[in-house]
Amino acid sequence: MKIKEFETRQELYTEIPKGRIGFEAGVCKGMNAMHLYQIAKPSKLYLCDIWTDKRPDGADWNKPADFTELWYSNHSNLVSIFFEDEIENGTVQLMRGYASDFLIELEDNSLDWIYLDSAHIYDCISIEIDIALQKVKSGGLILGHDYNAAPDAWGASVIRAVNERIQDGDMIMESITIEKWPSYLCRVV
């Protein structure tokens, strides 16, 4: 099977079946969440982020020099404003904390797709994919962002975690974007 190539992740989202249940891990300011919502038109969308500028131990994050406060602040109020009506009618649910903590609480095989863009540390992304494989239905989608090496930030962590699950036969790579910070789409086997 050939892997489809898309120019942008927004184009990639057209591959997500409409009207299904989705989850985004790593929402930040909510721009990508808005794209996922508008394009995939989910019946339910869980949006999860830690939305904090401090590590769990209270210390500051070790931020690479070219990363701004954009990535490390509490943007939950902004996201709440974007999705005010959807939160009120129950279509969107905001979750503040680590994605793995919320995912583990969901029923197995309850999601149709998940988009991973939170911690890019190998152990974190690897755990998120392992849990996603339990929560996403067979034939569902695991998508994510930053499928590239970033030597000064996360190394090859995302590529390594995704490729290991493909090699294990847990999922099949179907699509990828050709952006500077590529996204991927895998089907759960």
N, C-alpha and C. Protein backbone atom coordinates (compact mmCIF):
# COMPACT_ATOMS: atom_id res chain seq x y z
N MET A 1 0.85 -1.18 0.00
CA MET A 1 0.00 0.00 0.00
C MET A 1 0.89 1.24 0.00
N LYS A 2 0.56 2.18 -0.85
CA LYS A 2 1.31 3.43 -0.90
C LYS A 2 0.79 4.40 0.14
N ILE A 3 1.71 5.17 0.70
CA ILE A 3 1.36 6.18 1.69
C ILE A 3 0.96 7.46 0.95
N LYS A 4 -0.24 7.99 1.27
CA LYS A 4 -0.71 9.22 0.64
C LYS A 4 0.08 10.39 1.21
N GLU A 5 0.26 11.38 0.37
CA GLU A 5 0.97 12.59 0.76
C GLU A 5 0.03 13.79 0.66
N PHE A 6 -0.02 14.59 1.71
CA PHE A 6 -0.83 15.80 1.73
C PHE A 6 0.09 16.98 2.02
N GLU A 7 -0.27 18.14 1.48
CA GLU A 7 0.55 19.33 1.72
C GLU A 7 0.43 19.83 3.15
N THR A 8 -0.77 19.79 3.71
CA THR A 8 -0.99 20.32 5.06
C THR A 8 -1.77 19.33 5.91
N ARG A 9 -1.72 19.54 7.22
CA ARG A 9 -2.49 18.66 8.10
C ARG A 9 -3.98 18.91 7.95
N GLN A 10 -4.37 20.12 7.58
CA GLN A 10 -5.78 20.38 7.37
C GLN A 10 -6.31 19.52 6.22
N GLU A 11 -5.51 19.35 5.17
CA GLU A 11 -5.90 18.46 4.07
C GLU A 11 -5.93 17.01 4.54
N LEU A 12 -5.00 16.64 5.40
CA LEU A 12 -4.97 15.29 5.97
C LEU A 12 -6.25 14.98 6.73
N TYR A 13 -6.81 15.98 7.39
CA TYR A 13 -8.02 15.78 8.20
C TYR A 13 -9.23 15.38 7.38
N THR A 14 -9.19 15.60 6.07
CA THR A 14 -10.30 15.16 5.23
C THR A 14 -10.41 13.63 5.20
N GLU A 15 -9.37 12.95 5.63
CA GLU A 15 -9.37 11.48 5.70
C GLU A 15 -10.11 10.96 6.95
N ILE A 16 -10.38 11.83 7.90
CA ILE A 16 -11.08 11.44 9.12
C ILE A 16 -12.57 11.35 8.82
N PRO A 17 -13.18 10.19 9.08
CA PRO A 17 -14.63 10.07 8.84
C PRO A 17 -15.42 11.08 9.69
N LYS A 18 -16.42 11.66 9.11
CA LYS A 18 -17.22 12.67 9.80
C LYS A 18 -18.19 12.03 10.80
N GLY A 19 -18.53 12.84 11.83
CA GLY A 19 -19.54 12.41 12.79
C GLY A 19 -19.08 11.37 13.78
N ARG A 20 -17.80 11.25 14.00
CA ARG A 20 -17.27 10.23 14.90
C ARG A 20 -16.77 10.86 16.20
N ILE A 21 -16.22 10.03 17.08
CA ILE A 21 -15.72 10.49 18.37
C ILE A 21 -14.20 10.62 18.30
N GLY A 22 -13.69 11.82 18.64
CA GLY A 22 -12.26 12.08 18.55
C GLY A 22 -11.69 12.67 19.82
N PHE A 23 -10.37 12.71 19.86
CA PHE A 23 -9.62 13.18 21.03
C PHE A 23 -8.38 13.88 20.52
N GLU A 24 -8.12 15.09 21.00
CA GLU A 24 -6.85 15.76 20.68
C GLU A 24 -6.06 15.92 21.97
N ALA A 25 -4.84 15.42 21.96
CA ALA A 25 -3.91 15.56 23.08
C ALA A 25 -2.88 16.62 22.70
N GLY A 26 -2.85 17.71 23.46
CA GLY A 26 -1.94 18.81 23.17
C GLY A 26 -2.63 19.89 22.39
N VAL A 27 -3.54 20.60 23.01
CA VAL A 27 -4.42 21.57 22.34
C VAL A 27 -3.80 22.96 22.23
N CYS A 28 -2.98 23.35 23.18
CA CYS A 28 -2.36 24.67 23.23
C CYS A 28 -3.41 25.76 23.15
N LYS A 29 -3.37 26.59 22.12
CA LYS A 29 -4.34 27.69 21.98
C LYS A 29 -5.61 27.29 21.23
N GLY A 30 -5.67 26.06 20.74
CA GLY A 30 -6.90 25.56 20.14
C GLY A 30 -7.04 25.74 18.65
N MET A 31 -6.03 26.28 17.98
CA MET A 31 -6.16 26.49 16.53
C MET A 31 -6.34 25.16 15.78
N ASN A 32 -5.52 24.17 16.12
CA ASN A 32 -5.65 22.88 15.46
C ASN A 32 -6.97 22.21 15.84
N ALA A 33 -7.40 22.38 17.08
CA ALA A 33 -8.67 21.81 17.52
C ALA A 33 -9.82 22.37 16.68
N MET A 34 -9.76 23.66 16.38
CA MET A 34 -10.81 24.26 15.54
C MET A 34 -10.81 23.64 14.15
N HIS A 35 -9.62 23.40 13.60
CA HIS A 35 -9.54 22.77 12.28
C HIS A 35 -10.09 21.35 12.33
N LEU A 36 -9.68 20.59 13.35
CA LEU A 36 -10.20 19.22 13.48
C LEU A 36 -11.73 19.24 13.59
N TYR A 37 -12.25 20.15 14.39
CA TYR A 37 -13.70 20.22 14.60
C TYR A 37 -14.43 20.60 13.30
N GLN A 38 -13.91 21.59 12.60
CA GLN A 38 -14.57 22.06 11.38
C GLN A 38 -14.49 21.03 10.25
N ILE A 39 -13.37 20.33 10.15
CA ILE A 39 -13.19 19.42 9.03
C ILE A 39 -13.76 18.03 9.32
N ALA A 40 -13.47 17.47 10.50
CA ALA A 40 -13.93 16.12 10.83
C ALA A 40 -15.37 16.10 11.35
N LYS A 41 -15.87 17.24 11.79
CA LYS A 41 -17.24 17.36 12.30
C LYS A 41 -17.58 16.22 13.27
N PRO A 42 -16.79 16.09 14.36
CA PRO A 42 -17.03 14.97 15.28
C PRO A 42 -18.34 15.11 16.04
N SER A 43 -18.91 13.96 16.41
CA SER A 43 -20.10 13.97 17.26
C SER A 43 -19.71 14.28 18.70
N LYS A 44 -18.46 13.98 19.05
CA LYS A 44 -17.90 14.29 20.37
C LYS A 44 -16.40 14.50 20.17
N LEU A 45 -15.87 15.56 20.81
CA LEU A 45 -14.45 15.85 20.71
C LEU A 45 -13.91 16.16 22.10
N TYR A 46 -12.97 15.34 22.55
CA TYR A 46 -12.27 15.58 23.80
C TYR A 46 -11.02 16.40 23.49
N LEU A 47 -10.81 17.49 24.22
CA LEU A 47 -9.64 18.34 24.04
C LEU A 47 -8.85 18.36 25.33
N CYS A 48 -7.61 17.92 25.28
CA CYS A 48 -6.81 17.75 26.49
C CYS A 48 -5.46 18.45 26.37
N ASP A 49 -5.10 19.19 27.42
CA ASP A 49 -3.80 19.84 27.49
C ASP A 49 -3.50 20.09 28.97
N ILE A 50 -2.21 20.20 29.29
CA ILE A 50 -1.86 20.52 30.67
C ILE A 50 -2.07 22.00 30.96
N TRP A 51 -2.04 22.83 29.93
CA TRP A 51 -2.27 24.27 30.04
C TRP A 51 -1.61 24.86 31.29
N THR A 52 -0.31 24.73 31.35
CA THR A 52 0.42 25.28 32.49
C THR A 52 1.82 25.69 32.06
N ASP A 53 2.39 26.63 32.80
CA ASP A 53 3.77 27.04 32.53
C ASP A 53 4.74 26.41 33.52
N LYS A 54 4.25 25.49 34.34
CA LYS A 54 5.09 24.82 35.33
C LYS A 54 5.05 23.30 35.15
N ARG A 55 6.15 22.64 35.47
CA ARG A 55 6.19 21.18 35.49
C ARG A 55 5.40 20.69 36.71
N PRO A 56 5.10 19.39 36.76
CA PRO A 56 4.36 18.87 37.93
C PRO A 56 5.06 19.14 39.26
N ASP A 57 6.39 19.27 39.26
CA ASP A 57 7.11 19.55 40.50
C ASP A 57 7.16 21.04 40.83
N GLY A 58 6.51 21.87 40.01
CA GLY A 58 6.45 23.31 40.26
C GLY A 58 7.56 24.10 39.60
N ALA A 59 8.55 23.44 39.04
CA ALA A 59 9.66 24.11 38.37
C ALA A 59 9.23 24.57 36.97
N ASP A 60 9.99 25.50 36.41
CA ASP A 60 9.75 25.93 35.04
C ASP A 60 10.14 24.82 34.08
N TRP A 61 9.45 24.77 32.93
CA TRP A 61 9.83 23.83 31.87
C TRP A 61 11.21 24.21 31.35
N ASN A 62 11.95 23.25 30.93
CA ASN A 62 13.23 23.49 30.26
C ASN A 62 12.91 23.79 28.80
N LYS A 63 12.75 25.06 28.49
CA LYS A 63 12.28 25.48 27.19
C LYS A 63 13.44 25.74 26.23
N PRO A 64 13.40 25.15 25.04
CA PRO A 64 14.40 25.51 24.04
C PRO A 64 14.31 27.00 23.73
N ALA A 65 15.42 27.59 23.38
CA ALA A 65 15.49 29.05 23.19
C ALA A 65 14.49 29.57 22.15
N ASP A 66 14.21 28.78 21.11
CA ASP A 66 13.32 29.28 20.06
C ASP A 66 11.84 28.99 20.35
N PHE A 67 11.53 28.43 21.52
CA PHE A 67 10.14 28.20 21.89
C PHE A 67 9.69 29.39 22.74
N THR A 68 8.52 29.88 22.49
CA THR A 68 8.02 31.04 23.23
C THR A 68 7.02 30.60 24.28
N GLU A 69 6.51 31.55 25.02
CA GLU A 69 5.48 31.28 26.03
C GLU A 69 4.20 30.75 25.39
N LEU A 70 4.11 30.85 24.07
CA LEU A 70 2.96 30.33 23.34
C LEU A 70 2.66 28.90 23.75
N TRP A 71 3.68 28.09 23.93
CA TRP A 71 3.49 26.66 24.18
C TRP A 71 3.34 26.32 25.66
N TYR A 72 3.65 27.24 26.56
CA TYR A 72 3.75 26.88 27.97
C TYR A 72 2.90 27.72 28.90
N SER A 73 1.72 28.09 28.50
CA SER A 73 0.86 28.93 29.32
C SER A 73 -0.53 28.32 29.41
N ASN A 74 -1.36 28.90 30.28
CA ASN A 74 -2.72 28.43 30.43
C ASN A 74 -3.61 29.10 29.38
N HIS A 75 -3.92 28.37 28.34
CA HIS A 75 -4.77 28.88 27.26
C HIS A 75 -6.17 28.27 27.31
N SER A 76 -6.51 27.61 28.42
CA SER A 76 -7.81 26.93 28.49
C SER A 76 -8.98 27.91 28.38
N ASN A 77 -8.82 29.11 28.91
CA ASN A 77 -9.91 30.09 28.79
C ASN A 77 -10.14 30.48 27.33
N LEU A 78 -9.06 30.64 26.58
CA LEU A 78 -9.18 30.97 25.16
C LEU A 78 -9.90 29.84 24.41
N VAL A 79 -9.50 28.61 24.68
CA VAL A 79 -10.13 27.46 24.02
C VAL A 79 -11.60 27.37 24.43
N SER A 80 -11.89 27.67 25.68
CA SER A 80 -13.28 27.67 26.16
C SER A 80 -14.14 28.67 25.40
N ILE A 81 -13.56 29.81 25.07
CA ILE A 81 -14.28 30.82 24.31
C ILE A 81 -14.56 30.33 22.89
N PHE A 82 -13.53 29.73 22.26
CA PHE A 82 -13.70 29.21 20.89
C PHE A 82 -14.83 28.19 20.81
N PHE A 83 -14.92 27.35 21.83
CA PHE A 83 -15.85 26.22 21.81
C PHE A 83 -17.01 26.39 22.81
N GLU A 84 -17.35 27.63 23.12
CA GLU A 84 -18.37 27.90 24.14
C GLU A 84 -19.68 27.15 23.88
N ASP A 85 -20.23 27.26 22.68
CA ASP A 85 -21.49 26.59 22.37
C ASP A 85 -21.35 25.07 22.39
N GLU A 86 -20.26 24.57 21.86
CA GLU A 86 -20.05 23.12 21.79
C GLU A 86 -19.83 22.52 23.19
N ILE A 87 -19.18 23.27 24.06
CA ILE A 87 -19.00 22.81 25.45
C ILE A 87 -20.36 22.78 26.14
N GLU A 88 -21.15 23.81 25.90
CA GLU A 88 -22.47 23.90 26.53
C GLU A 88 -23.38 22.75 26.08
N ASN A 89 -23.32 22.38 24.79
CA ASN A 89 -24.21 21.31 24.32
C ASN A 89 -23.58 19.92 24.45
N GLY A 90 -22.36 19.83 24.99
CA GLY A 90 -21.74 18.53 25.25
C GLY A 90 -20.98 17.92 24.10
N THR A 91 -20.88 18.63 22.98
CA THR A 91 -20.14 18.10 21.83
C THR A 91 -18.64 18.13 22.09
N VAL A 92 -18.17 19.15 22.82
CA VAL A 92 -16.75 19.29 23.14
C VAL A 92 -16.58 19.24 24.65
N GLN A 93 -15.57 18.51 25.08
CA GLN A 93 -15.24 18.43 26.50
C GLN A 93 -13.78 18.78 26.69
N LEU A 94 -13.50 19.80 27.51
CA LEU A 94 -12.12 20.19 27.82
C LEU A 94 -11.64 19.39 29.02
N MET A 95 -10.38 18.96 28.93
CA MET A 95 -9.75 18.21 30.01
C MET A 95 -8.39 18.82 30.28
N ARG A 96 -8.17 19.26 31.52
CA ARG A 96 -6.89 19.88 31.87
C ARG A 96 -6.05 18.88 32.65
N GLY A 97 -4.94 18.49 32.03
CA GLY A 97 -4.04 17.52 32.65
C GLY A 97 -3.31 16.73 31.56
N TYR A 98 -2.71 15.65 31.96
CA TYR A 98 -1.96 14.82 31.02
C TYR A 98 -2.90 13.90 30.25
N ALA A 99 -2.70 13.81 28.95
CA ALA A 99 -3.57 13.01 28.09
C ALA A 99 -3.64 11.56 28.54
N SER A 100 -2.52 10.99 28.92
CA SER A 100 -2.51 9.58 29.32
C SER A 100 -3.42 9.35 30.53
N ASP A 101 -3.49 10.32 31.45
CA ASP A 101 -4.35 10.18 32.63
C ASP A 101 -5.83 10.15 32.23
N PHE A 102 -6.22 10.97 31.27
CA PHE A 102 -7.62 10.98 30.83
C PHE A 102 -7.94 9.81 29.92
N LEU A 103 -7.01 9.48 29.03
CA LEU A 103 -7.25 8.38 28.11
C LEU A 103 -7.47 7.06 28.85
N ILE A 104 -6.69 6.82 29.88
CA ILE A 104 -6.78 5.56 30.61
C ILE A 104 -8.17 5.39 31.22
N GLU A 105 -8.85 6.50 31.50
CA GLU A 105 -10.18 6.45 32.11
C GLU A 105 -11.29 6.17 31.09
N LEU A 106 -11.01 6.40 29.80
CA LEU A 106 -12.02 6.15 28.77
C LEU A 106 -12.19 4.64 28.56
N GLU A 107 -13.37 4.28 28.14
CA GLU A 107 -13.66 2.88 27.84
C GLU A 107 -12.83 2.43 26.63
N ASP A 108 -12.34 1.21 26.66
CA ASP A 108 -11.61 0.67 25.51
C ASP A 108 -12.52 0.67 24.28
N ASN A 109 -11.92 0.89 23.12
CA ASN A 109 -12.64 0.92 21.84
C ASN A 109 -13.74 1.97 21.79
N SER A 110 -13.55 3.08 22.49
CA SER A 110 -14.58 4.12 22.53
C SER A 110 -14.30 5.29 21.60
N LEU A 111 -13.09 5.38 21.07
CA LEU A 111 -12.72 6.48 20.18
C LEU A 111 -12.62 5.99 18.75
N ASP A 112 -12.98 6.87 17.82
CA ASP A 112 -12.80 6.57 16.40
C ASP A 112 -11.46 7.09 15.89
N TRP A 113 -10.96 8.14 16.56
CA TRP A 113 -9.66 8.69 16.18
C TRP A 113 -9.08 9.50 17.34
N ILE A 114 -7.76 9.65 17.28
CA ILE A 114 -7.05 10.47 18.26
C ILE A 114 -5.93 11.20 17.53
N TYR A 115 -5.71 12.45 17.93
CA TYR A 115 -4.62 13.26 17.37
C TYR A 115 -3.66 13.59 18.51
N LEU A 116 -2.42 13.15 18.38
CA LEU A 116 -1.41 13.30 19.43
C LEU A 116 -0.43 14.43 19.08
N ASP A 117 -0.38 15.42 19.97
CA ASP A 117 0.55 16.54 19.79
C ASP A 117 0.90 17.14 21.15
N SER A 118 1.09 16.29 22.14
CA SER A 118 1.42 16.80 23.48
C SER A 118 2.92 16.64 23.71
N ALA A 119 3.31 15.99 24.76
CA ALA A 119 4.73 15.83 25.06
C ALA A 119 5.40 14.99 23.97
N HIS A 120 6.50 15.45 23.49
CA HIS A 120 7.21 14.75 22.42
C HIS A 120 8.37 13.92 22.95
N ILE A 121 8.45 13.79 24.25
CA ILE A 121 9.47 12.95 24.87
C ILE A 121 9.12 11.50 24.56
N TYR A 122 10.11 10.69 24.22
CA TYR A 122 9.85 9.33 23.78
C TYR A 122 8.93 8.56 24.73
N ASP A 123 9.25 8.54 26.01
CA ASP A 123 8.44 7.77 26.96
C ASP A 123 6.99 8.24 26.97
N CYS A 124 6.76 9.54 26.90
CA CYS A 124 5.40 10.08 26.91
C CYS A 124 4.62 9.71 25.66
N ILE A 125 5.20 9.95 24.50
CA ILE A 125 4.48 9.65 23.25
C ILE A 125 4.28 8.15 23.11
N SER A 126 5.24 7.37 23.56
CA SER A 126 5.12 5.92 23.49
C SER A 126 3.95 5.43 24.36
N ILE A 127 3.85 5.96 25.57
CA ILE A 127 2.73 5.60 26.45
C ILE A 127 1.40 6.05 25.85
N GLU A 128 1.36 7.27 25.30
CA GLU A 128 0.12 7.77 24.69
C GLU A 128 -0.32 6.87 23.54
N ILE A 129 0.61 6.43 22.72
CA ILE A 129 0.25 5.54 21.60
C ILE A 129 -0.22 4.20 22.13
N ASP A 130 0.45 3.64 23.13
CA ASP A 130 0.02 2.37 23.71
C ASP A 130 -1.41 2.45 24.23
N ILE A 131 -1.73 3.53 24.95
CA ILE A 131 -3.09 3.70 25.47
C ILE A 131 -4.07 3.94 24.33
N ALA A 132 -3.66 4.76 23.35
CA ALA A 132 -4.53 5.03 22.19
C ALA A 132 -4.89 3.74 21.46
N LEU A 133 -3.96 2.82 21.37
CA LEU A 133 -4.24 1.54 20.70
C LEU A 133 -5.34 0.76 21.41
N GLN A 134 -5.51 0.97 22.69
CA GLN A 134 -6.59 0.33 23.45
C GLN A 134 -7.91 1.08 23.29
N LYS A 135 -7.82 2.40 23.18
CA LYS A 135 -9.03 3.24 23.19
C LYS A 135 -9.62 3.46 21.81
N VAL A 136 -8.79 3.42 20.76
CA VAL A 136 -9.28 3.63 19.40
C VAL A 136 -9.74 2.28 18.83
N LYS A 137 -10.91 2.28 18.25
CA LYS A 137 -11.50 1.07 17.69
C LYS A 137 -10.61 0.50 16.58
N SER A 138 -10.67 -0.79 16.38
CA SER A 138 -9.98 -1.42 15.25
C SER A 138 -10.48 -0.77 13.97
N GLY A 139 -9.57 -0.37 13.12
CA GLY A 139 -9.93 0.34 11.90
C GLY A 139 -9.98 1.84 12.08
N GLY A 140 -9.87 2.30 13.34
CA GLY A 140 -9.86 3.73 13.64
C GLY A 140 -8.50 4.34 13.34
N LEU A 141 -8.34 5.61 13.66
CA LEU A 141 -7.15 6.34 13.27
C LEU A 141 -6.37 6.88 14.47
N ILE A 142 -5.06 6.77 14.37
CA ILE A 142 -4.15 7.47 15.27
C ILE A 142 -3.36 8.43 14.40
N LEU A 143 -3.54 9.71 14.68
CA LEU A 143 -2.86 10.77 13.95
C LEU A 143 -1.97 11.51 14.93
N GLY A 144 -1.05 12.26 14.39
CA GLY A 144 -0.21 13.07 15.26
C GLY A 144 0.59 14.08 14.48
N HIS A 145 1.30 14.89 15.22
CA HIS A 145 2.06 16.00 14.66
C HIS A 145 3.54 15.81 14.96
N ASP A 146 4.37 16.54 14.24
CA ASP A 146 5.82 16.58 14.47
C ASP A 146 6.48 15.23 14.25
N TYR A 147 6.10 14.59 13.15
CA TYR A 147 6.69 13.31 12.75
C TYR A 147 8.01 13.59 12.03
N ASN A 148 8.94 14.13 12.80
CA ASN A 148 10.26 14.47 12.26
C ASN A 148 11.25 14.54 13.42
N ALA A 149 12.51 14.58 13.08
CA ALA A 149 13.56 14.71 14.09
C ALA A 149 13.78 16.19 14.39
N ALA A 150 13.91 16.49 15.67
CA ALA A 150 14.21 17.85 16.11
C ALA A 150 15.34 17.73 17.13
N PRO A 151 16.59 17.71 16.65
CA PRO A 151 17.73 17.44 17.52
C PRO A 151 17.82 18.33 18.76
N ASP A 152 17.40 19.58 18.66
CA ASP A 152 17.50 20.49 19.80
C ASP A 152 16.29 20.43 20.73
N ALA A 153 15.28 19.65 20.35
CA ALA A 153 14.06 19.60 21.17
C ALA A 153 13.75 18.17 21.61
N TRP A 154 13.23 17.34 20.71
CA TRP A 154 12.80 16.00 21.10
C TRP A 154 13.54 14.88 20.37
N GLY A 155 14.54 15.21 19.60
CA GLY A 155 15.28 14.17 18.88
C GLY A 155 14.38 13.47 17.88
N ALA A 156 14.43 12.13 17.86
CA ALA A 156 13.60 11.34 16.95
C ALA A 156 12.47 10.63 17.70
N SER A 157 12.10 11.16 18.86
CA SER A 157 11.14 10.48 19.74
C SER A 157 9.81 10.14 19.06
N VAL A 158 9.21 11.08 18.35
CA VAL A 158 7.92 10.85 17.73
C VAL A 158 8.05 9.80 16.64
N ILE A 159 9.04 9.96 15.76
CA ILE A 159 9.25 8.99 14.68
C ILE A 159 9.48 7.60 15.25
N ARG A 160 10.31 7.52 16.25
CA ARG A 160 10.65 6.23 16.86
C ARG A 160 9.41 5.55 17.46
N ALA A 161 8.63 6.28 18.24
CA ALA A 161 7.45 5.70 18.88
C ALA A 161 6.42 5.24 17.85
N VAL A 162 6.17 6.04 16.82
CA VAL A 162 5.21 5.67 15.78
C VAL A 162 5.72 4.47 14.99
N ASN A 163 6.97 4.52 14.56
CA ASN A 163 7.53 3.43 13.75
C ASN A 163 7.58 2.11 14.50
N GLU A 164 7.82 2.15 15.80
CA GLU A 164 7.84 0.91 16.58
C GLU A 164 6.48 0.23 16.56
N ARG A 165 5.39 1.01 16.67
CA ARG A 165 4.05 0.42 16.65
C ARG A 165 3.71 -0.11 15.26
N ILE A 166 4.22 0.55 14.23
CA ILE A 166 4.01 0.05 12.87
C ILE A 166 4.77 -1.27 12.71
N GLN A 167 6.01 -1.32 13.15
CA GLN A 167 6.80 -2.55 13.07
C GLN A 167 6.18 -3.69 13.88
N ASP A 168 5.54 -3.35 15.01
CA ASP A 168 4.89 -4.36 15.84
C ASP A 168 3.60 -4.87 15.21
N GLY A 169 3.13 -4.20 14.16
CA GLY A 169 1.90 -4.62 13.49
C GLY A 169 0.63 -4.08 14.14
N ASP A 170 0.76 -3.08 15.00
CA ASP A 170 -0.40 -2.51 15.69
C ASP A 170 -1.15 -1.50 14.83
N MET A 171 -0.44 -0.87 13.90
CA MET A 171 -1.07 0.13 13.04
C MET A 171 -0.31 0.20 11.72
N ILE A 172 -0.97 0.80 10.74
CA ILE A 172 -0.42 0.93 9.39
C ILE A 172 -0.39 2.40 9.02
N MET A 173 0.76 2.88 8.56
CA MET A 173 0.87 4.27 8.10
C MET A 173 0.11 4.40 6.78
N GLU A 174 -0.84 5.36 6.73
CA GLU A 174 -1.61 5.58 5.51
C GLU A 174 -1.31 6.90 4.84
N SER A 175 -1.02 7.94 5.66
CA SER A 175 -0.84 9.27 5.09
C SER A 175 0.16 10.07 5.91
N ILE A 176 0.78 11.03 5.23
CA ILE A 176 1.72 11.94 5.89
C ILE A 176 1.66 13.28 5.18
N THR A 177 1.97 14.34 5.92
CA THR A 177 2.03 15.66 5.28
C THR A 177 3.47 16.00 4.95
N ILE A 178 3.64 16.94 4.04
CA ILE A 178 4.99 17.32 3.61
C ILE A 178 5.36 18.71 4.13
N GLU A 179 4.76 19.10 5.25
CA GLU A 179 5.06 20.38 5.88
C GLU A 179 6.41 20.30 6.60
N LYS A 180 6.90 21.45 7.03
CA LYS A 180 8.14 21.49 7.82
C LYS A 180 7.99 20.65 9.08
N TRP A 181 6.82 20.70 9.72
CA TRP A 181 6.51 19.92 10.91
C TRP A 181 5.39 18.95 10.53
N PRO A 182 5.73 17.80 9.93
CA PRO A 182 4.74 16.91 9.34
C PRO A 182 3.81 16.24 10.35
N SER A 183 2.62 15.94 9.86
CA SER A 183 1.66 15.12 10.60
C SER A 183 1.55 13.77 9.90
N TYR A 184 1.08 12.78 10.66
CA TYR A 184 0.94 11.42 10.15
C TYR A 184 -0.46 10.92 10.45
N LEU A 185 -0.90 9.93 9.69
CA LEU A 185 -2.18 9.27 9.91
C LEU A 185 -1.95 7.77 9.79
N CYS A 186 -2.25 7.05 10.86
CA CYS A 186 -2.11 5.59 10.88
C CYS A 186 -3.46 4.96 11.17
N ARG A 187 -3.71 3.79 10.58
CA ARG A 187 -4.94 3.03 10.84
C ARG A 187 -4.60 1.93 11.83
N VAL A 188 -5.45 1.80 12.86
CA VAL A 188 -5.29 0.76 13.87
C VAL A 188 -5.68 -0.58 13.27
N VAL A 189 -4.83 -1.56 13.45
CA VAL A 189 -5.07 -2.90 12.89
C VAL A 189 -5.99 -3.69 13.83
